[in-house]
């Protein structure tokens, strides 16, 4: 009876990044609240997605070059999404929050009420 309940998982299969979710993130960023006039890039990285954007405020990069905005990482063990923000002053990724769904992480990134991402 237990054999009917058990299912096999493909060992070594990494679900993220994938092109479908990368495009979903890219499309969803069009509804963000800040810096709507720039076009962010969504790049696949091991275990997730890197969001970078031109720095049009010139607060971080005086020349307006590409800066890291956020890192969305899928934790395969917990099945949760982790959102990180770049601390540009120290050059490190800082944990922001954890989510059950990718769409929830993107919503927080888009609204950014504390101005942690889009600076």
PDB file of N, CA and C in Angstrom:
ATOM      1  N   UNK A   1       0.813  -1.188   0.000  1.00  0.00           N
ATOM      2  CA  UNK A   1       0.000   0.000   0.000  1.00  0.00           C
ATOM      3  C   UNK A   1       0.866   1.266   0.000  1.00  0.00           C
ATOM      4  N   UNK A   2       1.943   1.279   0.748  1.00  0.00           N
ATOM      5  CA  UNK A   2       2.807   2.451   0.802  1.00  0.00           C
ATOM      6  C   UNK A   2       3.450   2.744  -0.542  1.00  0.00           C
ATOM      7  N   UNK A   3       3.693   1.729  -1.324  1.00  0.00           N
ATOM      8  CA  UNK A   3       4.332   1.921  -2.624  1.00  0.00           C
ATOM      9  C   UNK A   3       3.454   2.750  -3.559  1.00  0.00           C
ATOM     10  N   UNK A   4       2.146   2.655  -3.396  1.00  0.00           N
ATOM     11  CA  UNK A   4       1.236   3.425  -4.245  1.00  0.00           C
ATOM     12  C   UNK A   4       1.275   4.911  -3.902  1.00  0.00           C
ATOM     13  N   UNK A   5       1.634   5.235  -2.689  1.00  0.00           N
ATOM     14  CA  UNK A   5       1.664   6.628  -2.243  1.00  0.00           C
ATOM     15  C   UNK A   5       2.991   7.292  -2.603  1.00  0.00           C
ATOM     16  N   UNK A   6       4.041   6.536  -2.579  1.00  0.00           N
ATOM     17  CA  UNK A   6       5.367   7.093  -2.848  1.00  0.00           C
ATOM     18  C   UNK A   6       5.503   7.446  -4.319  1.00  0.00           C
ATOM     19  N   UNK A   7       6.202   8.493  -4.579  1.00  0.00           N
ATOM     20  CA  UNK A   7       6.492   8.829  -5.965  1.00  0.00           C
ATOM     21  C   UNK A   7       7.978   9.121  -6.102  1.00  0.00           C
ATOM     22  N   UNK A   8       8.467   8.887  -7.258  1.00  0.00           N
ATOM     23  CA  UNK A   8       9.895   9.090  -7.497  1.00  0.00           C
ATOM     24  C   UNK A   8      10.124  10.518  -7.987  1.00  0.00           C
ATOM     25  N   UNK A   9      11.188  11.105  -7.487  1.00  0.00           N
ATOM     26  CA  UNK A   9      11.599  12.426  -7.940  1.00  0.00           C
ATOM     27  C   UNK A   9      12.842  12.271  -8.799  1.00  0.00           C
ATOM     28  N   UNK A  10      12.917  13.064  -9.827  1.00  0.00           N
ATOM     29  CA  UNK A  10      14.100  13.039 -10.682  1.00  0.00           C
ATOM     30  C   UNK A  10      15.259  13.674  -9.926  1.00  0.00           C
ATOM     31  N   UNK A  11      16.269  12.902  -9.672  1.00  0.00           N
ATOM     32  CA  UNK A  11      17.425  13.395  -8.942  1.00  0.00           C
ATOM     33  C   UNK A  11      18.273  14.240  -9.885  1.00  0.00           C
ATOM     34  N   UNK A  12      18.702  15.385  -9.388  1.00  0.00           N
ATOM     35  CA  UNK A  12      19.537  16.264 -10.180  1.00  0.00           C
ATOM     36  C   UNK A  12      18.763  17.248 -11.039  1.00  0.00           C
ATOM     37  N   UNK A  13      17.450  17.142 -11.056  1.00  0.00           N
ATOM     38  CA  UNK A  13      16.637  18.060 -11.843  1.00  0.00           C
ATOM     39  C   UNK A  13      16.468  19.369 -11.072  1.00  0.00           C
ATOM     40  N   UNK A  14      16.899  20.445 -11.647  1.00  0.00           N
ATOM     41  CA  UNK A  14      16.802  21.759 -11.010  1.00  0.00           C
ATOM     42  C   UNK A  14      15.692  22.532 -11.708  1.00  0.00           C
ATOM     43  N   UNK A  15      14.600  22.864 -10.973  1.00  0.00           N
ATOM     44  CA  UNK A  15      13.455  23.508 -11.623  1.00  0.00           C
ATOM     45  C   UNK A  15      13.673  24.980 -11.989  1.00  0.00           C
ATOM     46  N   UNK A  16      14.642  25.613 -11.359  1.00  0.00           N
ATOM     47  CA  UNK A  16      14.862  27.036 -11.621  1.00  0.00           C
ATOM     48  C   UNK A  16      16.344  27.301 -11.773  1.00  0.00           C
ATOM     49  N   UNK A  17      16.685  28.101 -12.724  1.00  0.00           N
ATOM     50  CA  UNK A  17      15.840  28.948 -13.563  1.00  0.00           C
ATOM     51  C   UNK A  17      15.254  28.178 -14.742  1.00  0.00           C
ATOM     52  N   UNK A  18      14.176  28.707 -15.256  1.00  0.00           N
ATOM     53  CA  UNK A  18      13.599  28.198 -16.495  1.00  0.00           C
ATOM     54  C   UNK A  18      13.058  29.388 -17.285  1.00  0.00           C
ATOM     55  N   UNK A  19      12.924  29.192 -18.559  1.00  0.00           N
ATOM     56  CA  UNK A  19      12.557  30.303 -19.453  1.00  0.00           C
ATOM     57  C   UNK A  19      11.131  30.794 -19.213  1.00  0.00           C
ATOM     58  N   UNK A  20      10.227  29.908 -18.861  1.00  0.00           N
ATOM     59  CA  UNK A  20       8.840  30.302 -18.619  1.00  0.00           C
ATOM     60  C   UNK A  20       8.730  31.277 -17.443  1.00  0.00           C
ATOM     61  N   UNK A  21       9.339  30.933 -16.319  1.00  0.00           N
ATOM     62  CA  UNK A  21       9.280  31.826 -15.159  1.00  0.00           C
ATOM     63  C   UNK A  21      10.090  33.098 -15.375  1.00  0.00           C
ATOM     64  N   UNK A  22      11.193  32.992 -16.095  1.00  0.00           N
ATOM     65  CA  UNK A  22      11.970  34.201 -16.399  1.00  0.00           C
ATOM     66  C   UNK A  22      11.106  35.208 -17.151  1.00  0.00           C
ATOM     67  N   UNK A  23      10.367  34.720 -18.131  1.00  0.00           N
ATOM     68  CA  UNK A  23       9.477  35.597 -18.911  1.00  0.00           C
ATOM     69  C   UNK A  23       8.330  36.127 -18.051  1.00  0.00           C
ATOM     70  N   UNK A  24       7.804  35.292 -17.159  1.00  0.00           N
ATOM     71  CA  UNK A  24       6.731  35.744 -16.251  1.00  0.00           C
ATOM     72  C   UNK A  24       7.208  36.912 -15.393  1.00  0.00           C
ATOM     73  N   UNK A  25       8.417  36.793 -14.862  1.00  0.00           N
ATOM     74  CA  UNK A  25       8.980  37.860 -14.031  1.00  0.00           C
ATOM     75  C   UNK A  25       9.180  39.116 -14.869  1.00  0.00           C
ATOM     76  N   UNK A  26       9.768  38.938 -16.033  1.00  0.00           N
ATOM     77  CA  UNK A  26      10.029  40.068 -16.934  1.00  0.00           C
ATOM     78  C   UNK A  26       8.735  40.817 -17.263  1.00  0.00           C
ATOM     79  N   UNK A  27       7.697  40.084 -17.592  1.00  0.00           N
ATOM     80  CA  UNK A  27       6.404  40.690 -17.936  1.00  0.00           C
ATOM     81  C   UNK A  27       5.775  41.379 -16.708  1.00  0.00           C
ATOM     82  N   UNK A  28       5.861  40.741 -15.552  1.00  0.00           N
ATOM     83  CA  UNK A  28       5.272  41.295 -14.331  1.00  0.00           C
ATOM     84  C   UNK A  28       5.964  42.581 -13.889  1.00  0.00           C
ATOM     85  N   UNK A  29       7.244  42.727 -14.183  1.00  0.00           N
ATOM     86  CA  UNK A  29       7.965  43.943 -13.788  1.00  0.00           C
ATOM     87  C   UNK A  29       7.443  45.183 -14.504  1.00  0.00           C
ATOM     88  N   UNK A  30       6.679  44.991 -15.546  1.00  0.00           N
ATOM     89  CA  UNK A  30       6.070  46.117 -16.249  1.00  0.00           C
ATOM     90  C   UNK A  30       5.040  46.852 -15.408  1.00  0.00           C
ATOM     91  N   UNK A  31       4.562  46.223 -14.346  1.00  0.00           N
ATOM     92  CA  UNK A  31       3.560  46.879 -13.489  1.00  0.00           C
ATOM     93  C   UNK A  31       4.154  47.413 -12.192  1.00  0.00           C
ATOM     94  N   UNK A  32       5.474  47.584 -12.152  1.00  0.00           N
ATOM     95  CA  UNK A  32       6.096  48.110 -10.928  1.00  0.00           C
ATOM     96  C   UNK A  32       5.734  49.581 -10.734  1.00  0.00           C
ATOM     97  N   UNK A  33       5.902  50.054  -9.514  1.00  0.00           N
ATOM     98  CA  UNK A  33       5.515  51.423  -9.146  1.00  0.00           C
ATOM     99  C   UNK A  33       6.642  52.434  -9.372  1.00  0.00           C
ATOM    100  N   UNK A  34       7.883  52.006  -9.291  1.00  0.00           N
ATOM    101  CA  UNK A  34       9.022  52.920  -9.388  1.00  0.00           C
ATOM    102  C   UNK A  34       9.832  52.672 -10.670  1.00  0.00           C
ATOM    103  N   UNK A  35      10.409  53.744 -11.173  1.00  0.00           N
ATOM    104  CA  UNK A  35      11.298  53.684 -12.340  1.00  0.00           C
ATOM    105  C   UNK A  35      10.677  52.901 -13.498  1.00  0.00           C
ATOM    106  N   UNK A  36       9.469  53.274 -13.831  1.00  0.00           N
ATOM    107  CA  UNK A  36       8.738  52.614 -14.908  1.00  0.00           C
ATOM    108  C   UNK A  36       9.314  52.924 -16.289  1.00  0.00           C
ATOM    109  N   UNK A  37      10.160  53.938 -16.384  1.00  0.00           N
ATOM    110  CA  UNK A  37      10.678  54.362 -17.679  1.00  0.00           C
ATOM    111  C   UNK A  37      11.970  53.656 -18.072  1.00  0.00           C
ATOM    112  N   UNK A  38      12.446  52.703 -17.258  1.00  0.00           N
ATOM    113  CA  UNK A  38      13.618  51.904 -17.627  1.00  0.00           C
ATOM    114  C   UNK A  38      13.175  50.464 -17.869  1.00  0.00           C
ATOM    115  N   UNK A  39      13.967  49.741 -18.599  1.00  0.00           N
ATOM    116  CA  UNK A  39      13.658  48.346 -18.900  1.00  0.00           C
ATOM    117  C   UNK A  39      14.615  47.429 -18.154  1.00  0.00           C
ATOM    118  N   UNK A  40      14.131  46.802 -17.071  1.00  0.00           N
ATOM    119  CA  UNK A  40      15.009  45.893 -16.322  1.00  0.00           C
ATOM    120  C   UNK A  40      15.263  44.599 -17.085  1.00  0.00           C
ATOM    121  N   UNK A  41      16.369  43.960 -16.768  1.00  0.00           N
ATOM    122  CA  UNK A  41      16.727  42.660 -17.334  1.00  0.00           C
ATOM    123  C   UNK A  41      16.497  41.591 -16.279  1.00  0.00           C
ATOM    124  N   UNK A  42      16.020  40.444 -16.701  1.00  0.00           N
ATOM    125  CA  UNK A  42      15.883  39.289 -15.816  1.00  0.00           C
ATOM    126  C   UNK A  42      16.808  38.211 -16.355  1.00  0.00           C
ATOM    127  N   UNK A  43      17.831  37.894 -15.578  1.00  0.00           N
ATOM    128  CA  UNK A  43      18.832  36.918 -16.009  1.00  0.00           C
ATOM    129  C   UNK A  43      18.704  35.643 -15.184  1.00  0.00           C
ATOM    130  N   UNK A  44      18.818  34.500 -15.845  1.00  0.00           N
ATOM    131  CA  UNK A  44      18.822  33.246 -15.081  1.00  0.00           C
ATOM    132  C   UNK A  44      20.149  33.086 -14.334  1.00  0.00           C
ATOM    133  N   UNK A  45      20.065  32.685 -13.090  1.00  0.00           N
ATOM    134  CA  UNK A  45      21.233  32.340 -12.275  1.00  0.00           C
ATOM    135  C   UNK A  45      20.917  31.020 -11.585  1.00  0.00           C
ATOM    136  N   UNK A  46      21.913  30.339 -11.116  1.00  0.00           N
ATOM    137  CA  UNK A  46      21.690  29.039 -10.477  1.00  0.00           C
ATOM    138  C   UNK A  46      20.666  29.173  -9.346  1.00  0.00           C
ATOM    139  N   UNK A  47      19.560  28.474  -9.490  1.00  0.00           N
ATOM    140  CA  UNK A  47      18.537  28.448  -8.453  1.00  0.00           C
ATOM    141  C   UNK A  47      17.568  29.612  -8.485  1.00  0.00           C
ATOM    142  N   UNK A  48      17.665  30.497  -9.474  1.00  0.00           N
ATOM    143  CA  UNK A  48      16.741  31.620  -9.477  1.00  0.00           C
ATOM    144  C   UNK A  48      16.968  32.623 -10.588  1.00  0.00           C
ATOM    145  N   UNK A  49      16.718  33.893 -10.246  1.00  0.00           N
ATOM    146  CA  UNK A  49      16.694  34.950 -11.253  1.00  0.00           C
ATOM    147  C   UNK A  49      17.290  36.238 -10.673  1.00  0.00           C
ATOM    148  N   UNK A  50      18.110  36.876 -11.460  1.00  0.00           N
ATOM    149  CA  UNK A  50      18.723  38.150 -11.100  1.00  0.00           C
ATOM    150  C   UNK A  50      18.023  39.254 -11.880  1.00  0.00           C
ATOM    151  N   UNK A  51      17.585  40.287 -11.161  1.00  0.00           N
ATOM    152  CA  UNK A  51      16.966  41.442 -11.811  1.00  0.00           C
ATOM    153  C   UNK A  51      17.955  42.598 -11.724  1.00  0.00           C
ATOM    154  N   UNK A  52      18.282  43.142 -12.887  1.00  0.00           N
ATOM    155  CA  UNK A  52      19.161  44.308 -12.951  1.00  0.00           C
ATOM    156  C   UNK A  52      18.496  45.357 -13.826  1.00  0.00           C
ATOM    157  N   UNK A  53      18.885  46.607 -13.593  1.00  0.00           N
ATOM    158  CA  UNK A  53      18.231  47.700 -14.298  1.00  0.00           C
ATOM    159  C   UNK A  53      19.198  48.866 -14.460  1.00  0.00           C
ATOM    160  N   UNK A  54      19.008  49.670 -15.489  1.00  0.00           N
ATOM    161  CA  UNK A  54      19.788  50.903 -15.576  1.00  0.00           C
ATOM    162  C   UNK A  54      19.494  51.789 -14.364  1.00  0.00           C
ATOM    163  N   UNK A  55      20.508  52.451 -13.868  1.00  0.00           N
ATOM    164  CA  UNK A  55      20.369  53.311 -12.691  1.00  0.00           C
ATOM    165  C   UNK A  55      20.061  54.731 -13.154  1.00  0.00           C
ATOM    166  N   UNK A  56      18.792  54.992 -13.381  1.00  0.00           N
ATOM    167  CA  UNK A  56      18.418  56.306 -13.910  1.00  0.00           C
ATOM    168  C   UNK A  56      18.383  57.386 -12.824  1.00  0.00           C
ATOM    169  N   UNK A  57      18.294  57.012 -11.558  1.00  0.00           N
ATOM    170  CA  UNK A  57      18.295  58.017 -10.488  1.00  0.00           C
ATOM    171  C   UNK A  57      19.698  58.571 -10.261  1.00  0.00           C
ATOM    172  N   UNK A  58      20.690  57.828 -10.721  1.00  0.00           N
ATOM    173  CA  UNK A  58      22.110  58.183 -10.539  1.00  0.00           C
ATOM    174  C   UNK A  58      22.533  58.150  -9.069  1.00  0.00           C
ATOM    175  N   UNK A  59      21.706  57.587  -8.201  1.00  0.00           N
ATOM    176  CA  UNK A  59      22.059  57.472  -6.781  1.00  0.00           C
ATOM    177  C   UNK A  59      23.155  56.435  -6.551  1.00  0.00           C
ATOM    178  N   UNK A  60      23.148  55.375  -7.342  1.00  0.00           N
ATOM    179  CA  UNK A  60      24.101  54.284  -7.160  1.00  0.00           C
ATOM    180  C   UNK A  60      25.236  54.381  -8.176  1.00  0.00           C
ATOM    181  N   UNK A  61      24.870  54.540  -9.423  1.00  0.00           N
ATOM    182  CA  UNK A  61      25.849  54.633 -10.513  1.00  0.00           C
ATOM    183  C   UNK A  61      25.678  55.989 -11.193  1.00  0.00           C
ATOM    184  N   UNK A  62      26.659  56.834 -11.050  1.00  0.00           N
ATOM    185  CA  UNK A  62      26.595  58.198 -11.601  1.00  0.00           C
ATOM    186  C   UNK A  62      26.451  58.216 -13.119  1.00  0.00           C
ATOM    187  N   UNK A  63      26.918  57.140 -13.784  1.00  0.00           N
ATOM    188  CA  UNK A  63      26.849  57.066 -15.236  1.00  0.00           C
ATOM    189  C   UNK A  63      25.566  56.412 -15.742  1.00  0.00           C
ATOM    190  N   UNK A  64      24.728  55.947 -14.822  1.00  0.00           N
ATOM    191  CA  UNK A  64      23.465  55.331 -15.223  1.00  0.00           C
ATOM    192  C   UNK A  64      23.603  53.918 -15.742  1.00  0.00           C
ATOM    193  N   UNK A  65      24.672  53.236 -15.374  1.00  0.00           N
ATOM    194  CA  UNK A  65      24.884  51.859 -15.843  1.00  0.00           C
ATOM    195  C   UNK A  65      23.952  50.869 -15.171  1.00  0.00           C
ATOM    196  N   UNK A  66      24.075  49.618 -15.573  1.00  0.00           N
ATOM    197  CA  UNK A  66      23.251  48.560 -14.985  1.00  0.00           C
ATOM    198  C   UNK A  66      23.649  48.299 -13.542  1.00  0.00           C
ATOM    199  N   UNK A  67      22.638  48.177 -12.686  1.00  0.00           N
ATOM    200  CA  UNK A  67      22.876  47.836 -11.281  1.00  0.00           C
ATOM    201  C   UNK A  67      22.011  46.634 -10.907  1.00  0.00           C
ATOM    202  N   UNK A  68      22.462  45.866  -9.935  1.00  0.00           N
ATOM    203  CA  UNK A  68      21.667  44.759  -9.413  1.00  0.00           C
ATOM    204  C   UNK A  68      20.538  45.324  -8.568  1.00  0.00           C
ATOM    205  N   UNK A  69      19.328  44.846  -8.811  1.00  0.00           N
ATOM    206  CA  UNK A  69      18.151  45.317  -8.083  1.00  0.00           C
ATOM    207  C   UNK A  69      17.681  44.266  -7.094  1.00  0.00           C
ATOM    208  N   UNK A  70      17.501  43.037  -7.563  1.00  0.00           N
ATOM    209  CA  UNK A  70      16.973  41.974  -6.710  1.00  0.00           C
ATOM    210  C   UNK A  70      17.459  40.611  -7.183  1.00  0.00           C
ATOM    211  N   UNK A  71      17.404  39.677  -6.264  1.00  0.00           N
ATOM    212  CA  UNK A  71      17.713  38.290  -6.546  1.00  0.00           C
ATOM    213  C   UNK A  71      16.548  37.471  -6.004  1.00  0.00           C
ATOM    214  N   UNK A  72      15.938  36.675  -6.870  1.00  0.00           N
ATOM    215  CA  UNK A  72      14.843  35.798  -6.462  1.00  0.00           C
ATOM    216  C   UNK A  72      15.375  34.375  -6.548  1.00  0.00           C
ATOM    217  N   UNK A  73      15.375  33.689  -5.426  1.00  0.00           N
ATOM    218  CA  UNK A  73      15.964  32.353  -5.355  1.00  0.00           C
ATOM    219  C   UNK A  73      14.917  31.344  -4.895  1.00  0.00           C
ATOM    220  N   UNK A  74      14.867  30.194  -5.570  1.00  0.00           N
ATOM    221  CA  UNK A  74      13.959  29.123  -5.191  1.00  0.00           C
ATOM    222  C   UNK A  74      14.703  28.116  -4.336  1.00  0.00           C
ATOM    223  N   UNK A  75      14.208  27.894  -3.119  1.00  0.00           N
ATOM    224  CA  UNK A  75      14.803  26.923  -2.199  1.00  0.00           C
ATOM    225  C   UNK A  75      14.131  25.572  -2.434  1.00  0.00           C
ATOM    226  N   UNK A  76      14.853  24.648  -3.040  1.00  0.00           N
ATOM    227  CA  UNK A  76      14.275  23.347  -3.391  1.00  0.00           C
ATOM    228  C   UNK A  76      13.919  22.526  -2.155  1.00  0.00           C
ATOM    229  N   UNK A  77      14.614  22.710  -1.061  1.00  0.00           N
ATOM    230  CA  UNK A  77      14.343  21.930   0.149  1.00  0.00           C
ATOM    231  C   UNK A  77      13.002  22.333   0.761  1.00  0.00           C
ATOM    232  N   UNK A  78      12.778  23.630   0.917  1.00  0.00           N
ATOM    233  CA  UNK A  78      11.543  24.110   1.552  1.00  0.00           C
ATOM    234  C   UNK A  78      10.423  24.362   0.543  1.00  0.00           C
ATOM    235  N   UNK A  79      10.782  24.505  -0.733  1.00  0.00           N
ATOM    236  CA  UNK A  79       9.781  24.830  -1.749  1.00  0.00           C
ATOM    237  C   UNK A  79       9.320  26.276  -1.664  1.00  0.00           C
ATOM    238  N   UNK A  80      10.148  27.123  -1.082  1.00  0.00           N
ATOM    239  CA  UNK A  80       9.806  28.532  -0.890  1.00  0.00           C
ATOM    240  C   UNK A  80      10.695  29.418  -1.763  1.00  0.00           C
ATOM    241  N   UNK A  81      10.196  30.621  -2.004  1.00  0.00           N
ATOM    242  CA  UNK A  81      10.939  31.639  -2.756  1.00  0.00           C
ATOM    243  C   UNK A  81      11.550  32.621  -1.774  1.00  0.00           C
ATOM    244  N   UNK A  82      12.798  32.986  -1.997  1.00  0.00           N
ATOM    245  CA  UNK A  82      13.486  33.966  -1.161  1.00  0.00           C
ATOM    246  C   UNK A  82      13.834  35.169  -2.019  1.00  0.00           C
ATOM    247  N   UNK A  83      13.525  36.336  -1.491  1.00  0.00           N
ATOM    248  CA  UNK A  83      13.804  37.582  -2.200  1.00  0.00           C
ATOM    249  C   UNK A  83      14.916  38.322  -1.477  1.00  0.00           C
ATOM    250  N   UNK A  84      15.916  38.735  -2.243  1.00  0.00           N
ATOM    251  CA  UNK A  84      17.060  39.466  -1.700  1.00  0.00           C
ATOM    252  C   UNK A  84      17.147  40.821  -2.389  1.00  0.00           C
ATOM    253  N   UNK A  85      17.682  41.796  -1.669  1.00  0.00           N
ATOM    254  CA  UNK A  85      17.943  43.112  -2.234  1.00  0.00           C
ATOM    255  C   UNK A  85      19.442  43.356  -2.172  1.00  0.00           C
ATOM    256  N   UNK A  86      19.925  44.165  -3.106  1.00  0.00           N
ATOM    257  CA  UNK A  86      21.351  44.479  -3.112  1.00  0.00           C
ATOM    258  C   UNK A  86      21.604  45.672  -2.199  1.00  0.00           C
ATOM    259  N   UNK A  87      22.517  45.500  -1.265  1.00  0.00           N
ATOM    260  CA  UNK A  87      22.994  46.610  -0.443  1.00  0.00           C
ATOM    261  C   UNK A  87      24.194  47.179  -1.195  1.00  0.00           C
ATOM    262  N   UNK A  88      23.967  48.235  -1.938  1.00  0.00           N
ATOM    263  CA  UNK A  88      25.015  48.784  -2.796  1.00  0.00           C
ATOM    264  C   UNK A  88      26.153  49.411  -2.004  1.00  0.00           C
ATOM    265  N   UNK A  89      25.871  49.923  -0.835  1.00  0.00           N
ATOM    266  CA  UNK A  89      26.921  50.530  -0.014  1.00  0.00           C
ATOM    267  C   UNK A  89      27.962  49.488   0.411  1.00  0.00           C
ATOM    268  N   UNK A  90      27.518  48.259   0.676  1.00  0.00           N
ATOM    269  CA  UNK A  90      28.425  47.207   1.123  1.00  0.00           C
ATOM    270  C   UNK A  90      28.704  46.163   0.047  1.00  0.00           C
ATOM    271  N   UNK A  91      27.973  46.231  -1.074  1.00  0.00           N
ATOM    272  CA  UNK A  91      28.190  45.290  -2.169  1.00  0.00           C
ATOM    273  C   UNK A  91      27.779  43.862  -1.838  1.00  0.00           C
ATOM    274  N   UNK A  92      26.713  43.713  -1.013  1.00  0.00           N
ATOM    275  CA  UNK A  92      26.275  42.366  -0.626  1.00  0.00           C
ATOM    276  C   UNK A  92      24.761  42.229  -0.822  1.00  0.00           C
ATOM    277  N   UNK A  93      24.326  40.978  -0.990  1.00  0.00           N
ATOM    278  CA  UNK A  93      22.908  40.695  -1.062  1.00  0.00           C
ATOM    279  C   UNK A  93      22.370  40.574   0.354  1.00  0.00           C
ATOM    280  N   UNK A  94      21.249  41.223   0.617  1.00  0.00           N
ATOM    281  CA  UNK A  94      20.591  41.144   1.918  1.00  0.00           C
ATOM    282  C   UNK A  94      19.247  40.445   1.757  1.00  0.00           C
ATOM    283  N   UNK A  95      18.976  39.524   2.674  1.00  0.00           N
ATOM    284  CA  UNK A  95      17.695  38.828   2.662  1.00  0.00           C
ATOM    285  C   UNK A  95      16.579  39.831   2.939  1.00  0.00           C
ATOM    286  N   UNK A  96      15.505  39.749   2.152  1.00  0.00           N
ATOM    287  CA  UNK A  96      14.356  40.643   2.337  1.00  0.00           C
ATOM    288  C   UNK A  96      13.162  39.894   2.906  1.00  0.00           C
ATOM    289  N   UNK A  97      12.743  38.790   2.236  1.00  0.00           N
ATOM    290  CA  UNK A  97      11.582  38.057   2.718  1.00  0.00           C
ATOM    291  C   UNK A  97      11.496  36.686   2.042  1.00  0.00           C
ATOM    292  N   UNK A  98      10.571  35.877   2.539  1.00  0.00           N
ATOM    293  CA  UNK A  98      10.353  34.539   2.009  1.00  0.00           C
ATOM    294  C   UNK A  98       8.883  34.403   1.614  1.00  0.00           C
ATOM    295  N   UNK A  99       8.611  33.636   0.546  1.00  0.00           N
ATOM    296  CA  UNK A  99       7.263  33.555  -0.023  1.00  0.00           C
ATOM    297  C   UNK A  99       6.922  32.120  -0.417  1.00  0.00           C
ATOM    298  N   UNK A 100       5.642  31.820  -0.358  1.00  0.00           N
ATOM    299  CA  UNK A 100       5.158  30.526  -0.826  1.00  0.00           C
ATOM    300  C   UNK A 100       5.053  30.495  -2.345  1.00  0.00           C
ATOM    301  N   UNK A 101       4.777  31.661  -2.936  1.00  0.00           N
ATOM    302  CA  UNK A 101       4.551  31.740  -4.384  1.00  0.00           C
ATOM    303  C   UNK A 101       5.445  32.790  -5.019  1.00  0.00           C
ATOM    304  N   UNK A 102       5.873  32.536  -6.234  1.00  0.00           N
ATOM    305  CA  UNK A 102       6.696  33.477  -6.993  1.00  0.00           C
ATOM    306  C   UNK A 102       5.954  34.790  -7.208  1.00  0.00           C
ATOM    307  N   UNK A 103       4.664  34.724  -7.480  1.00  0.00           N
ATOM    308  CA  UNK A 103       3.894  35.945  -7.739  1.00  0.00           C
ATOM    309  C   UNK A 103       3.893  36.877  -6.529  1.00  0.00           C
ATOM    310  N   UNK A 104       3.903  36.334  -5.329  1.00  0.00           N
ATOM    311  CA  UNK A 104       3.946  37.168  -4.119  1.00  0.00           C
ATOM    312  C   UNK A 104       5.279  37.903  -4.006  1.00  0.00           C
ATOM    313  N   UNK A 105       6.349  37.228  -4.348  1.00  0.00           N
ATOM    314  CA  UNK A 105       7.666  37.867  -4.324  1.00  0.00           C
ATOM    315  C   UNK A 105       7.726  39.006  -5.335  1.00  0.00           C
ATOM    316  N   UNK A 106       7.179  38.766  -6.522  1.00  0.00           N
ATOM    317  CA  UNK A 106       7.181  39.789  -7.570  1.00  0.00           C
ATOM    318  C   UNK A 106       6.322  40.986  -7.161  1.00  0.00           C
ATOM    319  N   UNK A 107       5.199  40.740  -6.486  1.00  0.00           N
ATOM    320  CA  UNK A 107       4.337  41.831  -6.028  1.00  0.00           C
ATOM    321  C   UNK A 107       5.087  42.753  -5.072  1.00  0.00           C
ATOM    322  N   UNK A 108       5.817  42.173  -4.116  1.00  0.00           N
ATOM    323  CA  UNK A 108       6.603  42.995  -3.188  1.00  0.00           C
ATOM    324  C   UNK A 108       7.685  43.772  -3.919  1.00  0.00           C
ATOM    325  N   UNK A 109       8.323  43.137  -4.872  1.00  0.00           N
ATOM    326  CA  UNK A 109       9.354  43.800  -5.666  1.00  0.00           C
ATOM    327  C   UNK A 109       8.758  44.957  -6.463  1.00  0.00           C
ATOM    328  N   UNK A 110       7.581  44.767  -6.997  1.00  0.00           N
ATOM    329  CA  UNK A 110       6.932  45.807  -7.800  1.00  0.00           C
ATOM    330  C   UNK A 110       6.435  46.987  -6.973  1.00  0.00           C
ATOM    331  N   UNK A 111       5.879  46.735  -5.813  1.00  0.00           N
ATOM    332  CA  UNK A 111       5.354  47.839  -5.000  1.00  0.00           C
ATOM    333  C   UNK A 111       6.473  48.555  -4.252  1.00  0.00           C
ATOM    334  N   UNK A 112       7.405  47.813  -3.700  1.00  0.00           N
ATOM    335  CA  UNK A 112       8.589  48.363  -3.025  1.00  0.00           C
ATOM    336  C   UNK A 112       8.254  49.564  -2.141  1.00  0.00           C
ATOM    337  N   UNK A 113       7.373  49.401  -1.146  1.00  0.00           N
ATOM    338  CA  UNK A 113       6.941  50.540  -0.335  1.00  0.00           C
ATOM    339  C   UNK A 113       8.062  51.195   0.478  1.00  0.00           C
ATOM    340  N   UNK A 114       9.087  50.426   0.813  1.00  0.00           N
ATOM    341  CA  UNK A 114      10.193  50.968   1.618  1.00  0.00           C
ATOM    342  C   UNK A 114      11.368  51.456   0.767  1.00  0.00           C
ATOM    343  N   UNK A 115      11.200  51.411  -0.541  1.00  0.00           N
ATOM    344  CA  UNK A 115      12.265  51.808  -1.480  1.00  0.00           C
ATOM    345  C   UNK A 115      13.572  51.058  -1.218  1.00  0.00           C
ATOM    346  N   UNK A 116      13.437  49.751  -1.080  1.00  0.00           N
ATOM    347  CA  UNK A 116      14.595  48.901  -0.829  1.00  0.00           C
ATOM    348  C   UNK A 116      15.228  48.401  -2.116  1.00  0.00           C
ATOM    349  N   UNK A 117      14.430  48.306  -3.178  1.00  0.00           N
ATOM    350  CA  UNK A 117      14.915  47.728  -4.431  1.00  0.00           C
ATOM    351  C   UNK A 117      15.192  48.789  -5.485  1.00  0.00           C
ATOM    352  N   UNK A 118      14.154  49.524  -5.845  1.00  0.00           N
ATOM    353  CA  UNK A 118      14.245  50.517  -6.919  1.00  0.00           C
ATOM    354  C   UNK A 118      14.702  51.834  -6.307  1.00  0.00           C
ATOM    355  N   UNK A 119      16.008  52.099  -6.348  1.00  0.00           N
ATOM    356  CA  UNK A 119      16.561  53.281  -5.685  1.00  0.00           C
ATOM    357  C   UNK A 119      16.970  54.331  -6.671  1.00  0.00           C
TER     358      UNK A 119
END
